[in-house]
Amino acid sequence: MDSLQLLAEAIEVAKRLGVEIREELIGDGHGGVCRIRGRKCVFLDSRLGPRERLMQVLSALRGEPLLAEQSLRPALRHLLETR
């Protein structure tokens, strides 16, 4: 499974868990995870490749209490558990 497919699945899982995903052109930064009014948000720099954006979404998903209840493809679950 390629990074673009994994990214799409990770974004869908994040949205189901209430994580807001924003894809934008981000100046000198590379985006990342933050909280806005208590809600987890991921800013993805649209200039980054799918693999880099995937890693940012995975970073936001780690530690989510309801993640274990989500149905994930084995490749995505493996990435979540190993990085």
PDB file of N, CA and C in Angstrom:
ATOM      1  N   MET A   1       0.850  -1.172   0.000  1.00  0.00           N
ATOM      2  CA  MET A   1       0.000   0.000   0.000  1.00  0.00           C
ATOM      3  C   MET A   1       0.897   1.236   0.000  1.00  0.00           C
ATOM      4  N   ASP A   2       0.600   2.195  -0.850  1.00  0.00           N
ATOM      5  CA  ASP A   2       1.476   3.359  -0.938  1.00  0.00           C
ATOM      6  C   ASP A   2       1.093   4.438   0.077  1.00  0.00           C
ATOM      7  N   SER A   3       1.981   5.406   0.212  1.00  0.00           N
ATOM      8  CA  SER A   3       1.816   6.454   1.222  1.00  0.00           C
ATOM      9  C   SER A   3       0.559   7.282   1.011  1.00  0.00           C
ATOM     10  N   LEU A   4       0.183   7.508  -0.233  1.00  0.00           N
ATOM     11  CA  LEU A   4      -1.008   8.306  -0.510  1.00  0.00           C
ATOM     12  C   LEU A   4      -2.266   7.608  -0.004  1.00  0.00           C
ATOM     13  N   GLN A   5      -2.361   6.301  -0.200  1.00  0.00           N
ATOM     14  CA  GLN A   5      -3.504   5.540   0.307  1.00  0.00           C
ATOM     15  C   GLN A   5      -3.515   5.514   1.830  1.00  0.00           C
ATOM     16  N   LEU A   6      -2.349   5.316   2.420  1.00  0.00           N
ATOM     17  CA  LEU A   6      -2.258   5.314   3.884  1.00  0.00           C
ATOM     18  C   LEU A   6      -2.609   6.685   4.453  1.00  0.00           C
ATOM     19  N   LEU A   7      -2.166   7.742   3.778  1.00  0.00           N
ATOM     20  CA  LEU A   7      -2.493   9.095   4.220  1.00  0.00           C
ATOM     21  C   LEU A   7      -3.999   9.313   4.202  1.00  0.00           C
ATOM     22  N   ALA A   8      -4.657   8.908   3.125  1.00  0.00           N
ATOM     23  CA  ALA A   8      -6.113   9.076   3.020  1.00  0.00           C
ATOM     24  C   ALA A   8      -6.818   8.321   4.147  1.00  0.00           C
ATOM     25  N   GLU A   9      -6.379   7.104   4.422  1.00  0.00           N
ATOM     26  CA  GLU A   9      -7.002   6.334   5.502  1.00  0.00           C
ATOM     27  C   GLU A   9      -6.737   6.979   6.863  1.00  0.00           C
ATOM     28  N   ALA A  10      -5.506   7.433   7.089  1.00  0.00           N
ATOM     29  CA  ALA A  10      -5.167   8.061   8.369  1.00  0.00           C
ATOM     30  C   ALA A  10      -5.978   9.331   8.584  1.00  0.00           C
ATOM     31  N   ILE A  11      -6.169  10.111   7.534  1.00  0.00           N
ATOM     32  CA  ILE A  11      -6.981  11.326   7.651  1.00  0.00           C
ATOM     33  C   ILE A  11      -8.417  10.964   7.993  1.00  0.00           C
ATOM     34  N   GLU A  12      -8.955   9.946   7.370  1.00  0.00           N
ATOM     35  CA  GLU A  12     -10.331   9.514   7.658  1.00  0.00           C
ATOM     36  C   GLU A  12     -10.467   9.067   9.113  1.00  0.00           C
ATOM     37  N   VAL A  13      -9.509   8.296   9.591  1.00  0.00           N
ATOM     38  CA  VAL A  13      -9.527   7.839  10.985  1.00  0.00           C
ATOM     39  C   VAL A  13      -9.450   9.046  11.924  1.00  0.00           C
ATOM     40  N   ALA A  14      -8.552   9.976  11.621  1.00  0.00           N
ATOM     41  CA  ALA A  14      -8.404  11.169  12.457  1.00  0.00           C
ATOM     42  C   ALA A  14      -9.724  11.939  12.536  1.00  0.00           C
ATOM     43  N   LYS A  15     -10.378  12.107  11.419  1.00  0.00           N
ATOM     44  CA  LYS A  15     -11.653  12.830  11.408  1.00  0.00           C
ATOM     45  C   LYS A  15     -12.710  12.102  12.240  1.00  0.00           C
ATOM     46  N   ARG A  16     -12.743  10.772  12.141  1.00  0.00           N
ATOM     47  CA  ARG A  16     -13.700  10.001  12.953  1.00  0.00           C
ATOM     48  C   ARG A  16     -13.445  10.186  14.438  1.00  0.00           C
ATOM     49  N   LEU A  17     -12.191  10.422  14.793  1.00  0.00           N
ATOM     50  CA  LEU A  17     -11.833  10.614  16.197  1.00  0.00           C
ATOM     51  C   LEU A  17     -11.928  12.073  16.634  1.00  0.00           C
ATOM     52  N   GLY A  18     -12.383  12.938  15.748  1.00  0.00           N
ATOM     53  CA  GLY A  18     -12.574  14.342  16.103  1.00  0.00           C
ATOM     54  C   GLY A  18     -11.343  15.215  15.935  1.00  0.00           C
ATOM     55  N   VAL A  19     -10.326  14.716  15.247  1.00  0.00           N
ATOM     56  CA  VAL A  19      -9.120  15.509  14.984  1.00  0.00           C
ATOM     57  C   VAL A  19      -9.361  16.308  13.709  1.00  0.00           C
ATOM     58  N   GLU A  20      -9.166  17.602  13.799  1.00  0.00           N
ATOM     59  CA  GLU A  20      -9.347  18.454  12.626  1.00  0.00           C
ATOM     60  C   GLU A  20      -8.082  18.416  11.772  1.00  0.00           C
ATOM     61  N   ILE A  21      -8.242  18.251  10.479  1.00  0.00           N
ATOM     62  CA  ILE A  21      -7.119  18.214   9.544  1.00  0.00           C
ATOM     63  C   ILE A  21      -7.210  19.434   8.638  1.00  0.00           C
ATOM     64  N   ARG A  22      -6.120  20.198   8.591  1.00  0.00           N
ATOM     65  CA  ARG A  22      -6.067  21.365   7.708  1.00  0.00           C
ATOM     66  C   ARG A  22      -4.858  21.238   6.798  1.00  0.00           C
ATOM     67  N   GLU A  23      -5.095  21.231   5.496  1.00  0.00           N
ATOM     68  CA  GLU A  23      -3.997  21.202   4.528  1.00  0.00           C
ATOM     69  C   GLU A  23      -3.853  22.603   3.947  1.00  0.00           C
ATOM     70  N   GLU A  24      -2.691  23.189   4.188  1.00  0.00           N
ATOM     71  CA  GLU A  24      -2.452  24.566   3.778  1.00  0.00           C
ATOM     72  C   GLU A  24      -1.000  24.728   3.358  1.00  0.00           C
ATOM     73  N   LEU A  25      -0.732  25.805   2.657  1.00  0.00           N
ATOM     74  CA  LEU A  25       0.652  26.193   2.408  1.00  0.00           C
ATOM     75  C   LEU A  25       1.139  26.860   3.684  1.00  0.00           C
ATOM     76  N   ILE A  26       2.171  26.293   4.273  1.00  0.00           N
ATOM     77  CA  ILE A  26       2.681  26.818   5.533  1.00  0.00           C
ATOM     78  C   ILE A  26       4.060  27.392   5.268  1.00  0.00           C
ATOM     79  N   GLY A  27       4.204  28.679   5.481  1.00  0.00           N
ATOM     80  CA  GLY A  27       5.450  29.404   5.230  1.00  0.00           C
ATOM     81  C   GLY A  27       6.712  28.599   5.417  1.00  0.00           C
ATOM     82  N   ASP A  28       7.506  28.951   6.407  1.00  0.00           N
ATOM     83  CA  ASP A  28       8.776  28.281   6.641  1.00  0.00           C
ATOM     84  C   ASP A  28       8.617  27.032   7.493  1.00  0.00           C
ATOM     85  N   GLY A  29       7.461  26.863   8.097  1.00  0.00           N
ATOM     86  CA  GLY A  29       7.244  25.706   8.962  1.00  0.00           C
ATOM     87  C   GLY A  29       6.852  24.479   8.164  1.00  0.00           C
ATOM     88  N   HIS A  30       6.705  23.393   8.868  1.00  0.00           N
ATOM     89  CA  HIS A  30       6.304  22.148   8.218  1.00  0.00           C
ATOM     90  C   HIS A  30       4.979  21.641   8.757  1.00  0.00           C
ATOM     91  N   GLY A  31       4.294  22.455   9.523  1.00  0.00           N
ATOM     92  CA  GLY A  31       3.033  22.018  10.088  1.00  0.00           C
ATOM     93  C   GLY A  31       3.251  21.171  11.319  1.00  0.00           C
ATOM     94  N   GLY A  32       2.184  20.487  11.718  1.00  0.00           N
ATOM     95  CA  GLY A  32       2.271  19.636  12.892  1.00  0.00           C
ATOM     96  C   GLY A  32       0.986  19.637  13.678  1.00  0.00           C
ATOM     97  N   VAL A  33       1.059  19.076  14.865  1.00  0.00           N
ATOM     98  CA  VAL A  33      -0.104  18.902  15.726  1.00  0.00           C
ATOM     99  C   VAL A  33      -0.163  20.028  16.738  1.00  0.00           C
ATOM    100  N   CYS A  34      -1.369  20.533  16.990  1.00  0.00           N
ATOM    101  CA  CYS A  34      -1.577  21.527  18.035  1.00  0.00           C
ATOM    102  C   CYS A  34      -3.000  21.386  18.567  1.00  0.00           C
ATOM    103  N   ARG A  35      -3.318  22.161  19.568  1.00  0.00           N
ATOM    104  CA  ARG A  35      -4.679  22.204  20.102  1.00  0.00           C
ATOM    105  C   ARG A  35      -5.227  23.606  19.912  1.00  0.00           C
ATOM    106  N   ILE A  36      -6.444  23.662  19.414  1.00  0.00           N
ATOM    107  CA  ILE A  36      -7.143  24.930  19.244  1.00  0.00           C
ATOM    108  C   ILE A  36      -8.452  24.817  20.007  1.00  0.00           C
ATOM    109  N   ARG A  37      -8.570  25.630  21.057  1.00  0.00           N
ATOM    110  CA  ARG A  37      -9.751  25.586  21.926  1.00  0.00           C
ATOM    111  C   ARG A  37     -10.024  24.169  22.429  1.00  0.00           C
ATOM    112  N   GLY A  38      -8.956  23.485  22.815  1.00  0.00           N
ATOM    113  CA  GLY A  38      -9.075  22.155  23.386  1.00  0.00           C
ATOM    114  C   GLY A  38      -9.235  21.027  22.384  1.00  0.00           C
ATOM    115  N   ARG A  39      -9.295  21.360  21.124  1.00  0.00           N
ATOM    116  CA  ARG A  39      -9.490  20.340  20.087  1.00  0.00           C
ATOM    117  C   ARG A  39      -8.183  20.115  19.335  1.00  0.00           C
ATOM    118  N   LYS A  40      -7.829  18.848  19.136  1.00  0.00           N
ATOM    119  CA  LYS A  40      -6.595  18.526  18.422  1.00  0.00           C
ATOM    120  C   LYS A  40      -6.751  18.863  16.947  1.00  0.00           C
ATOM    121  N   CYS A  41      -5.723  19.505  16.417  1.00  0.00           N
ATOM    122  CA  CYS A  41      -5.733  19.927  15.019  1.00  0.00           C
ATOM    123  C   CYS A  41      -4.369  19.607  14.407  1.00  0.00           C
ATOM    124  N   VAL A  42      -4.382  19.170  13.164  1.00  0.00           N
ATOM    125  CA  VAL A  42      -3.146  18.892  12.445  1.00  0.00           C
ATOM    126  C   VAL A  42      -3.082  19.823  11.247  1.00  0.00           C
ATOM    127  N   PHE A  43      -1.997  20.590  11.181  1.00  0.00           N
ATOM    128  CA  PHE A  43      -1.743  21.428  10.019  1.00  0.00           C
ATOM    129  C   PHE A  43      -0.757  20.688   9.124  1.00  0.00           C
ATOM    130  N   LEU A  44      -1.199  20.364   7.924  1.00  0.00           N
ATOM    131  CA  LEU A  44      -0.363  19.662   6.963  1.00  0.00           C
ATOM    132  C   LEU A  44       0.079  20.645   5.891  1.00  0.00           C
ATOM    133  N   ASP A  45       1.381  20.745   5.704  1.00  0.00           N
ATOM    134  CA  ASP A  45       1.898  21.611   4.654  1.00  0.00           C
ATOM    135  C   ASP A  45       1.681  20.902   3.324  1.00  0.00           C
ATOM    136  N   SER A  46       0.866  21.474   2.469  1.00  0.00           N
ATOM    137  CA  SER A  46       0.509  20.828   1.210  1.00  0.00           C
ATOM    138  C   SER A  46       1.702  20.687   0.260  1.00  0.00           C
ATOM    139  N   ARG A  47       2.817  21.359   0.575  1.00  0.00           N
ATOM    140  CA  ARG A  47       4.018  21.209  -0.260  1.00  0.00           C
ATOM    141  C   ARG A  47       4.812  19.960   0.106  1.00  0.00           C
ATOM    142  N   LEU A  48       4.536  19.355   1.252  1.00  0.00           N
ATOM    143  CA  LEU A  48       5.243  18.144   1.657  1.00  0.00           C
ATOM    144  C   LEU A  48       4.691  16.943   0.907  1.00  0.00           C
ATOM    145  N   GLY A  49       5.499  15.925   0.793  1.00  0.00           N
ATOM    146  CA  GLY A  49       5.069  14.701   0.136  1.00  0.00           C
ATOM    147  C   GLY A  49       4.104  13.906   1.008  1.00  0.00           C
ATOM    148  N   PRO A  50       3.449  12.918   0.420  1.00  0.00           N
ATOM    149  CA  PRO A  50       2.474  12.123   1.165  1.00  0.00           C
ATOM    150  C   PRO A  50       3.064  11.442   2.393  1.00  0.00           C
ATOM    151  N   ARG A  51       4.289  10.955   2.298  1.00  0.00           N
ATOM    152  CA  ARG A  51       4.909  10.257   3.430  1.00  0.00           C
ATOM    153  C   ARG A  51       5.098  11.193   4.624  1.00  0.00           C
ATOM    154  N   GLU A  52       5.561  12.413   4.378  1.00  0.00           N
ATOM    155  CA  GLU A  52       5.766  13.378   5.454  1.00  0.00           C
ATOM    156  C   GLU A  52       4.441  13.787   6.087  1.00  0.00           C
ATOM    157  N   ARG A  53       3.428  14.001   5.243  1.00  0.00           N
ATOM    158  CA  ARG A  53       2.105  14.355   5.777  1.00  0.00           C
ATOM    159  C   ARG A  53       1.520  13.191   6.563  1.00  0.00           C
ATOM    160  N   LEU A  54       1.726  11.964   6.082  1.00  0.00           N
ATOM    161  CA  LEU A  54       1.262  10.775   6.802  1.00  0.00           C
ATOM    162  C   LEU A  54       1.877  10.728   8.191  1.00  0.00           C
ATOM    163  N   MET A  55       3.163  10.985   8.296  1.00  0.00           N
ATOM    164  CA  MET A  55       3.835  10.947   9.597  1.00  0.00           C
ATOM    165  C   MET A  55       3.239  11.974  10.559  1.00  0.00           C
ATOM    166  N   GLN A  56       2.846  13.137  10.047  1.00  0.00           N
ATOM    167  CA  GLN A  56       2.219  14.148  10.900  1.00  0.00           C
ATOM    168  C   GLN A  56       0.864  13.682  11.406  1.00  0.00           C
ATOM    169  N   VAL A  57       0.085  13.057  10.539  1.00  0.00           N
ATOM    170  CA  VAL A  57      -1.231  12.561  10.962  1.00  0.00           C
ATOM    171  C   VAL A  57      -1.054  11.423  11.967  1.00  0.00           C
ATOM    172  N   LEU A  58      -0.105  10.537  11.719  1.00  0.00           N
ATOM    173  CA  LEU A  58       0.140   9.437  12.657  1.00  0.00           C
ATOM    174  C   LEU A  58       0.542   9.974  14.025  1.00  0.00           C
ATOM    175  N   SER A  59       1.320  11.028  14.041  1.00  0.00           N
ATOM    176  CA  SER A  59       1.723  11.650  15.294  1.00  0.00           C
ATOM    177  C   SER A  59       0.501  12.118  16.088  1.00  0.00           C
ATOM    178  N   ALA A  60      -0.481  12.652  15.382  1.00  0.00           N
ATOM    179  CA  ALA A  60      -1.706  13.115  16.049  1.00  0.00           C
ATOM    180  C   ALA A  60      -2.553  11.949  16.545  1.00  0.00           C
ATOM    181  N   LEU A  61      -2.519  10.838  15.826  1.00  0.00           N
ATOM    182  CA  LEU A  61      -3.359   9.697  16.200  1.00  0.00           C
ATOM    183  C   LEU A  61      -2.812   8.934  17.399  1.00  0.00           C
ATOM    184  N   ARG A  62      -1.511   8.909  17.545  1.00  0.00           N
ATOM    185  CA  ARG A  62      -0.915   8.178  18.669  1.00  0.00           C
ATOM    186  C   ARG A  62      -1.419   8.762  19.979  1.00  0.00           C
ATOM    187  N   GLY A  63      -1.827   7.898  20.862  1.00  0.00           N
ATOM    188  CA  GLY A  63      -2.308   8.345  22.161  1.00  0.00           C
ATOM    189  C   GLY A  63      -3.795   8.670  22.193  1.00  0.00           C
ATOM    190  N   GLU A  64      -4.453   8.629  21.053  1.00  0.00           N
ATOM    191  CA  GLU A  64      -5.902   8.861  21.048  1.00  0.00           C
ATOM    192  C   GLU A  64      -6.577   7.684  21.767  1.00  0.00           C
ATOM    193  N   PRO A  65      -7.358   7.957  22.789  1.00  0.00           N
ATOM    194  CA  PRO A  65      -7.933   6.870  23.587  1.00  0.00           C
ATOM    195  C   PRO A  65      -8.844   5.921  22.810  1.00  0.00           C
ATOM    196  N   LEU A  66      -9.508   6.391  21.787  1.00  0.00           N
ATOM    197  CA  LEU A  66     -10.445   5.543  21.048  1.00  0.00           C
ATOM    198  C   LEU A  66      -9.833   4.910  19.805  1.00  0.00           C
ATOM    199  N   LEU A  67      -8.532   5.108  19.603  1.00  0.00           N
ATOM    200  CA  LEU A  67      -7.879   4.569  18.412  1.00  0.00           C
ATOM    201  C   LEU A  67      -7.968   3.045  18.359  1.00  0.00           C
ATOM    202  N   ALA A  68      -7.841   2.389  19.491  1.00  0.00           N
ATOM    203  CA  ALA A  68      -7.872   0.917  19.536  1.00  0.00           C
ATOM    204  C   ALA A  68      -9.194   0.360  19.029  1.00  0.00           C
ATOM    205  N   GLU A  69     -10.243   1.152  19.099  1.00  0.00           N
ATOM    206  CA  GLU A  69     -11.569   0.701  18.663  1.00  0.00           C
ATOM    207  C   GLU A  69     -11.789   0.878  17.162  1.00  0.00           C
ATOM    208  N   GLN A  70     -10.855   1.541  16.494  1.00  0.00           N
ATOM    209  CA  GLN A  70     -11.003   1.822  15.074  1.00  0.00           C
ATOM    210  C   GLN A  70     -10.542   0.642  14.230  1.00  0.00           C
ATOM    211  N   SER A  71     -11.235   0.426  13.149  1.00  0.00           N
ATOM    212  CA  SER A  71     -10.842  -0.596  12.183  1.00  0.00           C
ATOM    213  C   SER A  71      -9.785   0.011  11.261  1.00  0.00           C
ATOM    214  N   LEU A  72      -8.580  -0.575  11.286  1.00  0.00           N
ATOM    215  CA  LEU A  72      -7.479  -0.056  10.483  1.00  0.00           C
ATOM    216  C   LEU A  72      -6.890  -1.168   9.636  1.00  0.00           C
ATOM    217  N   ARG A  73      -6.405  -0.804   8.471  1.00  0.00           N
ATOM    218  CA  ARG A  73      -5.677  -1.777   7.659  1.00  0.00           C
ATOM    219  C   ARG A  73      -4.389  -2.146   8.399  1.00  0.00           C
ATOM    220  N   PRO A  74      -3.928  -3.364   8.239  1.00  0.00           N
ATOM    221  CA  PRO A  74      -2.722  -3.790   8.949  1.00  0.00           C
ATOM    222  C   PRO A  74      -1.512  -2.883   8.712  1.00  0.00           C
ATOM    223  N   ALA A  75      -1.338  -2.397   7.508  1.00  0.00           N
ATOM    224  CA  ALA A  75      -0.177  -1.539   7.212  1.00  0.00           C
ATOM    225  C   ALA A  75      -0.219  -0.256   8.038  1.00  0.00           C
ATOM    226  N   LEU A  76      -1.401   0.342   8.186  1.00  0.00           N
ATOM    227  CA  LEU A  76      -1.537   1.557   8.959  1.00  0.00           C
ATOM    228  C   LEU A  76      -1.340   1.273  10.446  1.00  0.00           C
ATOM    229  N   ARG A  77      -1.918   0.202  10.939  1.00  0.00           N
ATOM    230  CA  ARG A  77      -1.746  -0.153  12.353  1.00  0.00           C
ATOM    231  C   ARG A  77      -0.273  -0.406  12.653  1.00  0.00           C
ATOM    232  N   HIS A  78       0.420  -1.057  11.740  1.00  0.00           N
ATOM    233  CA  HIS A  78       1.847  -1.322  11.922  1.00  0.00           C
ATOM    234  C   HIS A  78       2.628  -0.018  12.036  1.00  0.00           C
ATOM    235  N   LEU A  79       2.343   0.936  11.168  1.00  0.00           N
ATOM    236  CA  LEU A  79       3.031   2.226  11.242  1.00  0.00           C
ATOM    237  C   LEU A  79       2.750   2.940  12.544  1.00  0.00           C
ATOM    238  N   LEU A  80       1.531   2.866  13.028  1.00  0.00           N
ATOM    239  CA  LEU A  80       1.180   3.508  14.286  1.00  0.00           C
ATOM    240  C   LEU A  80       1.922   2.885  15.461  1.00  0.00           C
ATOM    241  N   GLU A  81       2.148   1.600  15.396  1.00  0.00           N
ATOM    242  CA  GLU A  81       2.761   0.895  16.511  1.00  0.00           C
ATOM    243  C   GLU A  81       4.277   0.943  16.481  1.00  0.00           C
ATOM    244  N   THR A  82       4.882   1.216  15.332  1.00  0.00           N
ATOM    245  CA  THR A  82       6.335   1.125  15.227  1.00  0.00           C
ATOM    246  C   THR A  82       7.052   2.461  15.163  1.00  0.00           C
ATOM    247  N   ARG A  83       6.385   3.544  14.974  1.00  0.00           N
ATOM    248  CA  ARG A  83       7.088   4.826  14.838  1.00  0.00           C
ATOM    249  C   ARG A  83       6.770   5.725  15.988  1.00  0.00           C
TER     250      ARG A  83
END
